[in-house]
Amino acid sequence: MYGTIATLSIDPANVEKLGAMLKEWNEKEDADAIGFVGGYMLQTDADASVVKMMAVFENVEKYRANAARPEQDAWYQQLRALLHDDPKWEDGQVIAT
């Protein structure tokens, strides 16, 4: 498996909108996402303006194919509009669950 962890900087007032976006993605895009296994968002206790997001895919090829979908880019643009700045992404192999 392969995935990404993103660190998001967001106004805490927008966290509910962010959660709604993930729920909508899971309901509408999940079926079309190429190789999607699962994902999570976590709002940190230490700083309510920091959200960690993780998405896992079957492999790196499917991860990249999904990222190239226009629907995924449209979703990302909506996500980015809620954030203070660009997410910090860390991609890699999932070595244990």
Protein backbone atom coordinates (compact mmCIF):
# COMPACT_ATOMS: atom_id res chain seq x y z
CA MET A 1 0.00 0.00 0.00
CA TYR A 2 1.00 3.60 -0.54
CA GLY A 3 -0.26 6.85 0.93
CA THR A 4 0.17 10.42 1.91
CA ILE A 5 -0.01 12.39 5.13
CA ALA A 6 -0.78 16.08 4.83
CA THR A 7 -0.43 18.74 7.50
CA LEU A 8 -3.08 21.40 7.02
CA SER A 9 -3.15 24.86 8.60
CA ILE A 10 -6.78 25.96 8.90
CA ASP A 11 -8.94 28.44 10.78
CA PRO A 12 -10.67 26.26 13.42
CA ALA A 13 -13.98 27.80 12.28
CA ASN A 14 -13.49 25.98 8.94
CA VAL A 15 -12.81 22.52 10.41
CA GLU A 16 -16.49 21.56 10.22
CA LYS A 17 -16.54 22.52 6.51
CA LEU A 18 -13.43 20.42 6.00
CA GLY A 19 -15.09 17.43 7.66
CA ALA A 20 -18.17 17.89 5.46
CA MET A 21 -15.94 17.93 2.38
CA LEU A 22 -14.37 14.60 3.39
CA LYS A 23 -17.79 13.10 4.05
CA GLU A 24 -19.01 14.29 0.63
CA TRP A 25 -15.86 12.91 -1.04
CA ASN A 26 -16.42 9.55 0.64
CA GLU A 27 -20.03 9.48 -0.58
CA LYS A 28 -19.44 10.70 -4.15
CA GLU A 29 -15.83 10.23 -5.19
CA ASP A 30 -14.78 7.15 -3.23
CA ALA A 31 -16.34 4.81 -5.80
CA ASP A 32 -14.47 6.57 -8.62
CA ALA A 33 -11.16 6.98 -6.80
CA ILE A 34 -8.56 4.71 -8.31
CA GLY A 35 -7.29 2.21 -5.75
CA PHE A 36 -8.49 4.14 -2.68
CA VAL A 37 -8.27 2.08 0.53
CA GLY A 38 -9.18 4.61 3.22
CA GLY A 39 -8.50 7.96 4.79
CA TYR A 40 -8.63 9.93 8.01
CA MET A 41 -8.49 13.51 9.26
CA LEU A 42 -7.33 14.40 12.74
CA GLN A 43 -7.55 17.81 14.41
CA THR A 44 -4.66 18.03 16.86
CA ASP A 45 -5.23 18.64 20.56
CA ALA A 46 -2.08 20.75 20.72
CA ASP A 47 -3.28 23.26 18.11
CA ALA A 48 -6.88 23.39 16.84
CA SER A 49 -5.65 25.10 13.65
CA VAL A 50 -3.62 22.01 12.65
CA VAL A 51 -5.30 19.09 10.89
CA LYS A 52 -3.49 15.94 9.77
CA MET A 53 -5.00 14.12 6.80
CA MET A 54 -4.04 10.63 5.64
CA ALA A 55 -5.09 8.84 2.46
CA VAL A 56 -4.08 5.28 1.57
CA PHE A 57 -4.15 3.63 -1.85
CA GLU A 58 -3.44 0.11 -3.11
CA ASN A 59 -0.10 1.15 -4.61
CA VAL A 60 1.89 4.15 -5.82
CA GLU A 61 0.65 3.82 -9.42
CA LYS A 62 -3.00 4.02 -8.35
CA TYR A 63 -2.20 6.87 -5.95
CA ARG A 64 -0.69 8.89 -8.80
CA ALA A 65 -3.49 7.94 -11.23
CA ASN A 66 -6.07 9.15 -8.72
CA ALA A 67 -4.16 12.39 -8.13
CA ALA A 68 -4.26 13.04 -11.89
CA ARG A 69 -8.07 12.84 -12.06
CA PRO A 70 -9.74 16.23 -12.78
CA GLU A 71 -12.35 15.45 -10.09
CA GLN A 72 -9.59 15.03 -7.52
CA ASP A 73 -8.02 18.35 -8.51
CA ALA A 74 -11.41 20.09 -8.21
CA TRP A 75 -11.82 18.64 -4.70
CA TYR A 76 -8.29 19.74 -3.79
CA GLN A 77 -9.00 23.30 -4.98
CA GLN A 78 -12.03 23.43 -2.64
CA LEU A 79 -9.87 22.08 0.18
CA ARG A 80 -7.12 24.61 -0.49
CA ALA A 81 -9.61 27.49 -0.33
CA LEU A 82 -10.24 26.63 3.35
CA LEU A 83 -6.55 26.64 4.32
CA HIS A 84 -4.14 29.35 5.43
CA ASP A 85 -1.43 28.02 3.09
CA ASP A 86 -0.49 25.01 0.99
CA PRO A 87 -0.55 21.64 2.77
CA LYS A 88 2.72 19.97 3.63
CA TRP A 89 2.65 16.50 2.01
CA GLU A 90 4.64 13.42 2.99
CA ASP A 91 4.17 10.43 0.68
CA GLY A 92 5.39 6.90 1.30
CA GLN A 93 4.92 3.17 1.52
CA VAL A 94 2.56 1.88 4.21
CA ILE A 95 4.67 -0.65 6.09
CA ALA A 96 2.15 -1.76 8.77
CA THR A 97 -1.50 -1.37 9.76
